Amino acid sequence: MATAYLGLGSNLGNRRRFLITAMALLAERAGDMICISTFYETEPWGFESPHAFLNAAVRLDTALEPSGLLAVMQQIECELGRTRSGRTTSYQDRTVDIDMLMYDDLQLMSTGLTLPHPFMHRRLFVMQPLAEIAPRLRHPALHCSMAELRDRLR
């Protein structure tokens, strides 16, 4: 079993329902949901929108390899109405977004997945819920705890 930390966000429709449904589907298809953070309301990051986000982080114990977990996450996003524009570098409103933040202490850089998430330590909307559920967890490349990384952003 591996331990994966995921970040979830939603800024369209019934945001809370989308997050809860995504978490239930992750628990059903990917592993055991060990811990769920508080939901945090945040402003959009990287683009302008009148729709605020609801963000959370979860700890998932999984038997899936990172690529298998990513496939499950993307399938859940699709089922919950997530659409992606052809431009992969632009951010947009979304029903649900699920990001793999960390997978054990794995450091990976591939075409479809980079671990740990390359921007997590720069985003308070990621670090606040992650530090809530795993304050002592250490970033394998930055060698800091999640609480330390969160505190740098405040």
N, C-alpha and C. Protein backbone atom coordinates (compact mmCIF):
# COMPACT_ATOMS: atom_id res chain seq x y z
N MET A 1 0.84 -1.19 0.00
CA MET A 1 0.00 0.00 0.00
C MET A 1 0.87 1.24 0.00
N ALA A 2 0.45 2.22 -0.74
CA ALA A 2 1.13 3.52 -0.79
C ALA A 2 0.21 4.56 -0.18
N THR A 3 0.80 5.66 0.24
CA THR A 3 0.03 6.79 0.75
C THR A 3 0.11 7.92 -0.25
N ALA A 4 -1.04 8.37 -0.70
CA ALA A 4 -1.12 9.47 -1.65
C ALA A 4 -1.86 10.63 -1.00
N TYR A 5 -1.39 11.82 -1.26
CA TYR A 5 -2.06 13.04 -0.82
C TYR A 5 -2.58 13.74 -2.05
N LEU A 6 -3.87 14.03 -2.03
CA LEU A 6 -4.54 14.65 -3.17
C LEU A 6 -5.13 15.99 -2.77
N GLY A 7 -5.12 16.93 -3.70
CA GLY A 7 -5.80 18.20 -3.53
C GLY A 7 -7.02 18.22 -4.42
N LEU A 8 -8.13 18.72 -3.89
CA LEU A 8 -9.37 18.80 -4.66
C LEU A 8 -9.90 20.22 -4.63
N GLY A 9 -10.51 20.64 -5.73
CA GLY A 9 -11.12 21.95 -5.79
C GLY A 9 -12.31 21.96 -6.72
N SER A 10 -13.21 22.90 -6.47
CA SER A 10 -14.40 23.08 -7.30
C SER A 10 -14.84 24.53 -7.21
N ASN A 11 -15.22 25.11 -8.36
CA ASN A 11 -15.76 26.46 -8.31
C ASN A 11 -17.00 26.64 -9.19
N LEU A 12 -17.62 25.56 -9.58
CA LEU A 12 -18.87 25.63 -10.35
C LEU A 12 -19.93 24.74 -9.72
N GLY A 13 -21.17 25.17 -9.81
CA GLY A 13 -22.27 24.35 -9.32
C GLY A 13 -22.25 24.18 -7.82
N ASN A 14 -22.77 23.05 -7.37
CA ASN A 14 -22.78 22.75 -5.94
C ASN A 14 -21.39 22.21 -5.57
N ARG A 15 -20.51 23.15 -5.23
CA ARG A 15 -19.10 22.82 -5.00
C ARG A 15 -18.91 21.76 -3.93
N ARG A 16 -19.61 21.88 -2.83
CA ARG A 16 -19.48 20.91 -1.74
C ARG A 16 -19.90 19.52 -2.21
N ARG A 17 -21.00 19.44 -2.93
CA ARG A 17 -21.46 18.15 -3.43
C ARG A 17 -20.45 17.54 -4.39
N PHE A 18 -19.86 18.35 -5.27
CA PHE A 18 -18.85 17.83 -6.19
C PHE A 18 -17.66 17.27 -5.43
N LEU A 19 -17.19 17.98 -4.41
CA LEU A 19 -16.04 17.50 -3.66
C LEU A 19 -16.37 16.22 -2.90
N ILE A 20 -17.51 16.18 -2.25
CA ILE A 20 -17.90 14.99 -1.50
C ILE A 20 -18.08 13.79 -2.43
N THR A 21 -18.71 14.02 -3.58
CA THR A 21 -18.89 12.93 -4.54
C THR A 21 -17.54 12.43 -5.06
N ALA A 22 -16.64 13.35 -5.37
CA ALA A 22 -15.31 12.96 -5.85
C ALA A 22 -14.59 12.13 -4.78
N MET A 23 -14.69 12.54 -3.53
CA MET A 23 -14.05 11.79 -2.45
C MET A 23 -14.66 10.40 -2.30
N ALA A 24 -15.97 10.31 -2.40
CA ALA A 24 -16.63 9.00 -2.30
C ALA A 24 -16.20 8.08 -3.43
N LEU A 25 -16.09 8.62 -4.64
CA LEU A 25 -15.66 7.81 -5.78
C LEU A 25 -14.20 7.40 -5.65
N LEU A 26 -13.36 8.29 -5.13
CA LEU A 26 -11.96 7.92 -4.87
C LEU A 26 -11.88 6.78 -3.87
N ALA A 27 -12.67 6.86 -2.81
CA ALA A 27 -12.67 5.81 -1.79
C ALA A 27 -13.16 4.49 -2.38
N GLU A 28 -14.11 4.56 -3.27
CA GLU A 28 -14.68 3.36 -3.89
C GLU A 28 -13.72 2.72 -4.89
N ARG A 29 -12.99 3.53 -5.64
CA ARG A 29 -12.20 3.03 -6.76
C ARG A 29 -10.69 3.00 -6.54
N ALA A 30 -10.20 3.78 -5.58
CA ALA A 30 -8.75 3.95 -5.50
C ALA A 30 -8.14 3.49 -4.19
N GLY A 31 -8.89 3.41 -3.12
CA GLY A 31 -8.30 3.00 -1.86
C GLY A 31 -9.06 3.52 -0.66
N ASP A 32 -8.40 3.49 0.49
CA ASP A 32 -9.04 3.90 1.74
C ASP A 32 -8.77 5.38 2.01
N MET A 33 -9.85 6.15 2.20
CA MET A 33 -9.73 7.56 2.55
C MET A 33 -9.42 7.62 4.04
N ILE A 34 -8.21 8.01 4.38
CA ILE A 34 -7.74 8.00 5.76
C ILE A 34 -8.04 9.32 6.46
N CYS A 35 -7.93 10.41 5.75
CA CYS A 35 -8.10 11.72 6.38
C CYS A 35 -8.59 12.73 5.35
N ILE A 36 -9.50 13.60 5.77
CA ILE A 36 -10.05 14.66 4.91
C ILE A 36 -9.92 15.97 5.65
N SER A 37 -9.43 16.99 4.96
CA SER A 37 -9.28 18.31 5.57
C SER A 37 -10.62 19.04 5.64
N THR A 38 -10.59 20.14 6.30
CA THR A 38 -11.68 21.11 6.25
C THR A 38 -11.79 21.61 4.82
N PHE A 39 -12.97 22.08 4.43
CA PHE A 39 -13.13 22.73 3.13
C PHE A 39 -12.80 24.20 3.30
N TYR A 40 -11.99 24.73 2.39
CA TYR A 40 -11.55 26.13 2.43
C TYR A 40 -12.08 26.86 1.20
N GLU A 41 -12.69 28.01 1.41
CA GLU A 41 -13.13 28.83 0.28
C GLU A 41 -12.00 29.78 -0.09
N THR A 42 -11.64 29.78 -1.37
CA THR A 42 -10.52 30.58 -1.84
C THR A 42 -10.86 31.28 -3.15
N GLU A 43 -10.12 32.32 -3.44
CA GLU A 43 -10.28 33.03 -4.70
C GLU A 43 -9.61 32.23 -5.82
N PRO A 44 -10.09 32.38 -7.06
CA PRO A 44 -9.42 31.70 -8.18
C PRO A 44 -7.95 32.11 -8.24
N TRP A 45 -7.12 31.19 -8.67
CA TRP A 45 -5.69 31.42 -8.77
C TRP A 45 -5.26 31.18 -10.22
N GLY A 46 -4.59 32.15 -10.81
CA GLY A 46 -4.09 31.99 -12.17
C GLY A 46 -5.05 32.43 -13.25
N PHE A 47 -6.25 32.85 -12.87
CA PHE A 47 -7.22 33.36 -13.84
C PHE A 47 -8.29 34.13 -13.08
N GLU A 48 -9.06 34.93 -13.81
CA GLU A 48 -10.13 35.70 -13.18
C GLU A 48 -11.46 35.00 -13.38
N SER A 49 -12.24 34.98 -12.30
CA SER A 49 -13.56 34.38 -12.33
C SER A 49 -14.37 34.94 -11.17
N PRO A 50 -15.66 35.11 -11.36
CA PRO A 50 -16.51 35.53 -10.24
C PRO A 50 -16.82 34.39 -9.27
N HIS A 51 -16.40 33.17 -9.61
CA HIS A 51 -16.74 31.98 -8.83
C HIS A 51 -15.58 31.59 -7.91
N ALA A 52 -15.83 31.63 -6.60
CA ALA A 52 -14.82 31.23 -5.62
C ALA A 52 -14.69 29.71 -5.61
N PHE A 53 -13.53 29.24 -5.23
CA PHE A 53 -13.27 27.81 -5.13
C PHE A 53 -13.56 27.31 -3.73
N LEU A 54 -13.87 26.04 -3.65
CA LEU A 54 -13.88 25.29 -2.41
C LEU A 54 -12.75 24.28 -2.59
N ASN A 55 -11.80 24.26 -1.65
CA ASN A 55 -10.63 23.39 -1.76
C ASN A 55 -10.51 22.49 -0.53
N ALA A 56 -9.92 21.32 -0.73
CA ALA A 56 -9.68 20.37 0.35
C ALA A 56 -8.49 19.49 -0.02
N ALA A 57 -7.99 18.77 0.98
CA ALA A 57 -6.94 17.78 0.74
C ALA A 57 -7.35 16.48 1.43
N VAL A 58 -6.89 15.37 0.86
CA VAL A 58 -7.20 14.07 1.44
C VAL A 58 -5.94 13.20 1.45
N ARG A 59 -5.92 12.30 2.42
CA ARG A 59 -4.91 11.24 2.44
C ARG A 59 -5.61 9.96 2.02
N LEU A 60 -5.02 9.28 1.05
CA LEU A 60 -5.59 8.07 0.50
C LEU A 60 -4.54 6.96 0.57
N ASP A 61 -4.88 5.84 1.17
CA ASP A 61 -4.01 4.67 1.12
C ASP A 61 -4.47 3.84 -0.07
N THR A 62 -3.56 3.55 -0.98
CA THR A 62 -3.94 2.94 -2.24
C THR A 62 -2.98 1.84 -2.66
N ALA A 63 -3.51 0.85 -3.35
CA ALA A 63 -2.69 -0.20 -3.95
C ALA A 63 -2.35 0.15 -5.40
N LEU A 64 -2.93 1.23 -5.91
CA LEU A 64 -2.68 1.63 -7.29
C LEU A 64 -1.31 2.28 -7.43
N GLU A 65 -0.68 2.05 -8.56
CA GLU A 65 0.54 2.77 -8.92
C GLU A 65 0.15 4.20 -9.28
N PRO A 66 1.10 5.14 -9.29
CA PRO A 66 0.74 6.53 -9.59
C PRO A 66 -0.02 6.71 -10.91
N SER A 67 0.39 6.02 -11.96
CA SER A 67 -0.31 6.17 -13.24
C SER A 67 -1.74 5.65 -13.16
N GLY A 68 -1.96 4.57 -12.44
CA GLY A 68 -3.31 4.04 -12.27
C GLY A 68 -4.17 4.97 -11.45
N LEU A 69 -3.60 5.53 -10.39
CA LEU A 69 -4.34 6.49 -9.57
C LEU A 69 -4.69 7.73 -10.39
N LEU A 70 -3.75 8.21 -11.19
CA LEU A 70 -4.02 9.37 -12.05
C LEU A 70 -5.16 9.09 -13.01
N ALA A 71 -5.19 7.90 -13.59
CA ALA A 71 -6.27 7.53 -14.51
C ALA A 71 -7.62 7.54 -13.80
N VAL A 72 -7.67 7.01 -12.58
CA VAL A 72 -8.92 7.02 -11.80
C VAL A 72 -9.34 8.46 -11.51
N MET A 73 -8.39 9.29 -11.10
CA MET A 73 -8.70 10.68 -10.79
C MET A 73 -9.28 11.40 -12.02
N GLN A 74 -8.65 11.21 -13.16
CA GLN A 74 -9.12 11.88 -14.38
C GLN A 74 -10.48 11.36 -14.83
N GLN A 75 -10.74 10.07 -14.63
CA GLN A 75 -12.05 9.51 -14.97
C GLN A 75 -13.13 10.12 -14.08
N ILE A 76 -12.84 10.26 -12.79
CA ILE A 76 -13.80 10.87 -11.87
C ILE A 76 -14.06 12.33 -12.26
N GLU A 77 -13.02 13.07 -12.59
CA GLU A 77 -13.20 14.45 -13.04
C GLU A 77 -14.13 14.50 -14.25
N CYS A 78 -13.90 13.63 -15.19
CA CYS A 78 -14.73 13.58 -16.41
C CYS A 78 -16.18 13.24 -16.07
N GLU A 79 -16.38 12.25 -15.23
CA GLU A 79 -17.74 11.85 -14.85
C GLU A 79 -18.49 12.97 -14.13
N LEU A 80 -17.75 13.81 -13.42
CA LEU A 80 -18.38 14.91 -12.68
C LEU A 80 -18.44 16.20 -13.50
N GLY A 81 -18.20 16.09 -14.80
CA GLY A 81 -18.43 17.22 -15.69
C GLY A 81 -17.23 18.11 -15.95
N ARG A 82 -16.05 17.69 -15.56
CA ARG A 82 -14.86 18.49 -15.81
C ARG A 82 -14.57 18.49 -17.30
N THR A 83 -14.43 19.67 -17.86
CA THR A 83 -14.04 19.79 -19.26
C THR A 83 -12.70 20.50 -19.30
N ARG A 84 -11.89 20.12 -20.23
CA ARG A 84 -10.58 20.74 -20.40
C ARG A 84 -10.51 21.38 -21.78
N SER A 85 -9.96 22.59 -21.81
CA SER A 85 -9.75 23.23 -23.10
C SER A 85 -8.53 22.61 -23.74
N GLY A 86 -8.34 22.84 -25.01
CA GLY A 86 -7.17 22.32 -25.70
C GLY A 86 -5.89 22.97 -25.20
N ARG A 87 -6.02 24.12 -24.57
CA ARG A 87 -4.85 24.83 -24.05
C ARG A 87 -4.57 24.32 -22.64
N THR A 88 -3.53 23.55 -22.46
CA THR A 88 -3.25 22.94 -21.16
C THR A 88 -2.63 23.91 -20.18
N THR A 89 -2.18 25.08 -20.64
CA THR A 89 -1.52 26.01 -19.74
C THR A 89 -2.47 27.05 -19.16
N SER A 90 -3.72 27.09 -19.63
CA SER A 90 -4.64 28.09 -19.12
C SER A 90 -5.58 27.48 -18.08
N TYR A 91 -5.85 28.25 -17.05
CA TYR A 91 -6.77 27.80 -16.00
C TYR A 91 -8.17 28.26 -16.33
N GLN A 92 -9.16 27.54 -15.84
CA GLN A 92 -10.55 27.88 -16.12
C GLN A 92 -11.44 27.36 -15.00
N ASP A 93 -12.68 27.84 -14.98
CA ASP A 93 -13.66 27.35 -14.02
C ASP A 93 -13.82 25.85 -14.22
N ARG A 94 -14.15 25.14 -13.11
CA ARG A 94 -14.31 23.69 -13.22
C ARG A 94 -15.23 23.15 -12.14
N THR A 95 -15.92 22.08 -12.48
CA THR A 95 -16.79 21.42 -11.51
C THR A 95 -15.96 20.73 -10.45
N VAL A 96 -14.88 20.09 -10.88
CA VAL A 96 -13.98 19.43 -9.93
C VAL A 96 -12.59 19.31 -10.55
N ASP A 97 -11.62 19.45 -9.68
CA ASP A 97 -10.22 19.30 -10.07
C ASP A 97 -9.57 18.44 -9.00
N ILE A 98 -8.87 17.39 -9.40
CA ILE A 98 -8.18 16.52 -8.45
C ILE A 98 -6.72 16.47 -8.86
N ASP A 99 -5.85 16.87 -7.96
CA ASP A 99 -4.41 16.85 -8.23
C ASP A 99 -3.71 15.89 -7.27
N MET A 100 -2.80 15.09 -7.80
CA MET A 100 -1.96 14.26 -6.96
C MET A 100 -0.81 15.14 -6.48
N LEU A 101 -0.76 15.36 -5.17
CA LEU A 101 0.25 16.23 -4.59
C LEU A 101 1.52 15.45 -4.25
N MET A 102 1.34 14.33 -3.60
CA MET A 102 2.47 13.47 -3.23
C MET A 102 2.02 12.01 -3.28
N TYR A 103 2.97 11.14 -3.53
CA TYR A 103 2.74 9.70 -3.53
C TYR A 103 3.93 9.09 -2.81
N ASP A 104 3.74 8.70 -1.56
CA ASP A 104 4.84 8.30 -0.69
C ASP A 104 5.94 9.37 -0.79
N ASP A 105 7.18 8.95 -0.89
CA ASP A 105 8.29 9.89 -1.05
C ASP A 105 8.78 9.92 -2.50
N LEU A 106 7.94 9.45 -3.40
CA LEU A 106 8.32 9.32 -4.80
C LEU A 106 8.61 10.67 -5.44
N GLN A 107 9.71 10.74 -6.16
CA GLN A 107 10.02 11.88 -7.00
C GLN A 107 10.00 11.37 -8.44
N LEU A 108 9.13 11.95 -9.25
CA LEU A 108 8.88 11.45 -10.60
C LEU A 108 8.65 12.62 -11.53
N MET A 109 9.21 12.52 -12.72
CA MET A 109 8.93 13.52 -13.74
C MET A 109 8.68 12.77 -15.05
N SER A 110 7.42 12.74 -15.45
CA SER A 110 7.07 12.08 -16.70
C SER A 110 6.16 13.01 -17.49
N THR A 111 5.77 12.58 -18.66
CA THR A 111 4.95 13.42 -19.53
C THR A 111 3.64 13.81 -18.87
N GLY A 112 2.97 12.89 -18.21
CA GLY A 112 1.66 13.17 -17.66
C GLY A 112 1.61 13.42 -16.17
N LEU A 113 2.74 13.24 -15.47
CA LEU A 113 2.70 13.35 -14.01
C LEU A 113 4.07 13.73 -13.46
N THR A 114 4.07 14.73 -12.58
CA THR A 114 5.27 15.12 -11.85
C THR A 114 4.95 15.05 -10.37
N LEU A 115 5.81 14.35 -9.63
CA LEU A 115 5.63 14.20 -8.19
C LEU A 115 6.92 14.55 -7.46
N PRO A 116 6.81 15.21 -6.33
CA PRO A 116 5.62 15.88 -5.82
C PRO A 116 5.11 16.92 -6.83
N HIS A 117 3.87 17.34 -6.64
CA HIS A 117 3.28 18.34 -7.53
C HIS A 117 4.23 19.54 -7.58
N PRO A 118 4.60 19.98 -8.77
CA PRO A 118 5.65 20.99 -8.87
C PRO A 118 5.30 22.38 -8.33
N PHE A 119 4.03 22.68 -8.16
CA PHE A 119 3.64 24.02 -7.71
C PHE A 119 2.97 24.04 -6.34
N MET A 120 2.84 22.89 -5.72
CA MET A 120 2.07 22.82 -4.48
C MET A 120 2.58 23.78 -3.41
N HIS A 121 3.88 23.90 -3.28
CA HIS A 121 4.48 24.72 -2.22
C HIS A 121 4.33 26.23 -2.48
N ARG A 122 3.80 26.59 -3.64
CA ARG A 122 3.58 28.00 -3.99
C ARG A 122 2.13 28.42 -3.85
N ARG A 123 1.28 27.52 -3.45
CA ARG A 123 -0.17 27.78 -3.45
C ARG A 123 -0.76 27.54 -2.06
N LEU A 124 -1.21 28.61 -1.44
CA LEU A 124 -1.79 28.50 -0.11
C LEU A 124 -3.06 27.65 -0.14
N PHE A 125 -3.84 27.72 -1.22
CA PHE A 125 -5.07 26.93 -1.30
C PHE A 125 -4.78 25.43 -1.33
N VAL A 126 -3.55 25.04 -1.62
CA VAL A 126 -3.13 23.64 -1.54
C VAL A 126 -2.52 23.35 -0.17
N MET A 127 -1.63 24.24 0.26
CA MET A 127 -0.86 23.99 1.47
C MET A 127 -1.69 24.10 2.75
N GLN A 128 -2.68 24.97 2.77
CA GLN A 128 -3.51 25.11 3.98
C GLN A 128 -4.22 23.80 4.33
N PRO A 129 -4.97 23.21 3.40
CA PRO A 129 -5.63 21.94 3.76
C PRO A 129 -4.64 20.78 3.92
N LEU A 130 -3.57 20.76 3.14
CA LEU A 130 -2.59 19.69 3.26
C LEU A 130 -1.87 19.74 4.60
N ALA A 131 -1.48 20.94 5.02
CA ALA A 131 -0.80 21.08 6.31
C ALA A 131 -1.75 20.77 7.47
N GLU A 132 -3.04 20.93 7.25
CA GLU A 132 -4.01 20.58 8.30
C GLU A 132 -4.00 19.08 8.56
N ILE A 133 -3.96 18.27 7.50
CA ILE A 133 -4.06 16.82 7.68
C ILE A 133 -2.70 16.14 7.83
N ALA A 134 -1.63 16.81 7.40
CA ALA A 134 -0.30 16.19 7.46
C ALA A 134 0.78 17.24 7.76
N PRO A 135 0.69 17.89 8.90
CA PRO A 135 1.62 19.00 9.18
C PRO A 135 3.08 18.57 9.24
N ARG A 136 3.36 17.35 9.65
CA ARG A 136 4.75 16.89 9.80
C ARG A 136 5.29 16.16 8.56
N LEU A 137 4.41 15.90 7.61
CA LEU A 137 4.84 15.26 6.36
C LEU A 137 5.91 16.12 5.71
N ARG A 138 6.99 15.49 5.25
CA ARG A 138 8.10 16.24 4.67
C ARG A 138 8.11 16.11 3.15
N HIS A 139 8.33 17.23 2.52
CA HIS A 139 8.46 17.27 1.07
C HIS A 139 9.80 16.62 0.71
N PRO A 140 9.80 15.59 -0.14
CA PRO A 140 11.04 14.85 -0.38
C PRO A 140 12.12 15.63 -1.13
N ALA A 141 11.76 16.67 -1.83
CA ALA A 141 12.76 17.45 -2.56
C ALA A 141 13.13 18.73 -1.81
N LEU A 142 12.16 19.36 -1.16
CA LEU A 142 12.41 20.63 -0.47
C LEU A 142 12.86 20.43 0.98
N HIS A 143 12.67 19.23 1.51
CA HIS A 143 13.10 18.86 2.86
C HIS A 143 12.50 19.76 3.94
N CYS A 144 11.25 20.15 3.75
CA CYS A 144 10.50 20.95 4.73
C CYS A 144 9.19 20.24 5.01
N SER A 145 8.63 20.49 6.18
CA SER A 145 7.32 19.92 6.50
C SER A 145 6.23 20.72 5.78
N MET A 146 5.07 20.12 5.69
CA MET A 146 3.94 20.80 5.07
C MET A 146 3.57 22.05 5.87
N ALA A 147 3.67 21.98 7.20
CA ALA A 147 3.38 23.15 8.03
C ALA A 147 4.38 24.27 7.75
N GLU A 148 5.65 23.93 7.60
CA GLU A 148 6.66 24.95 7.28
C GLU A 148 6.40 25.59 5.92
N LEU A 149 6.05 24.78 4.92
CA LEU A 149 5.76 25.31 3.60
C LEU A 149 4.52 26.20 3.62
N ARG A 150 3.50 25.78 4.36
CA ARG A 150 2.30 26.62 4.50
C ARG A 150 2.64 27.93 5.16
N ASP A 151 3.41 27.89 6.24
CA ASP A 151 3.73 29.12 6.98
C ASP A 151 4.53 30.10 6.13
N ARG A 152 5.31 29.63 5.21
CA ARG A 152 6.06 30.53 4.31
C ARG A 152 5.13 31.32 3.39
N LEU A 153 3.94 30.78 3.13
CA LEU A 153 2.99 31.44 2.22
C LEU A 153 2.08 32.44 2.93
N ARG A 154 2.03 32.39 4.23
CA ARG A 154 1.11 33.27 4.97
C ARG A 154 1.63 34.69 5.02
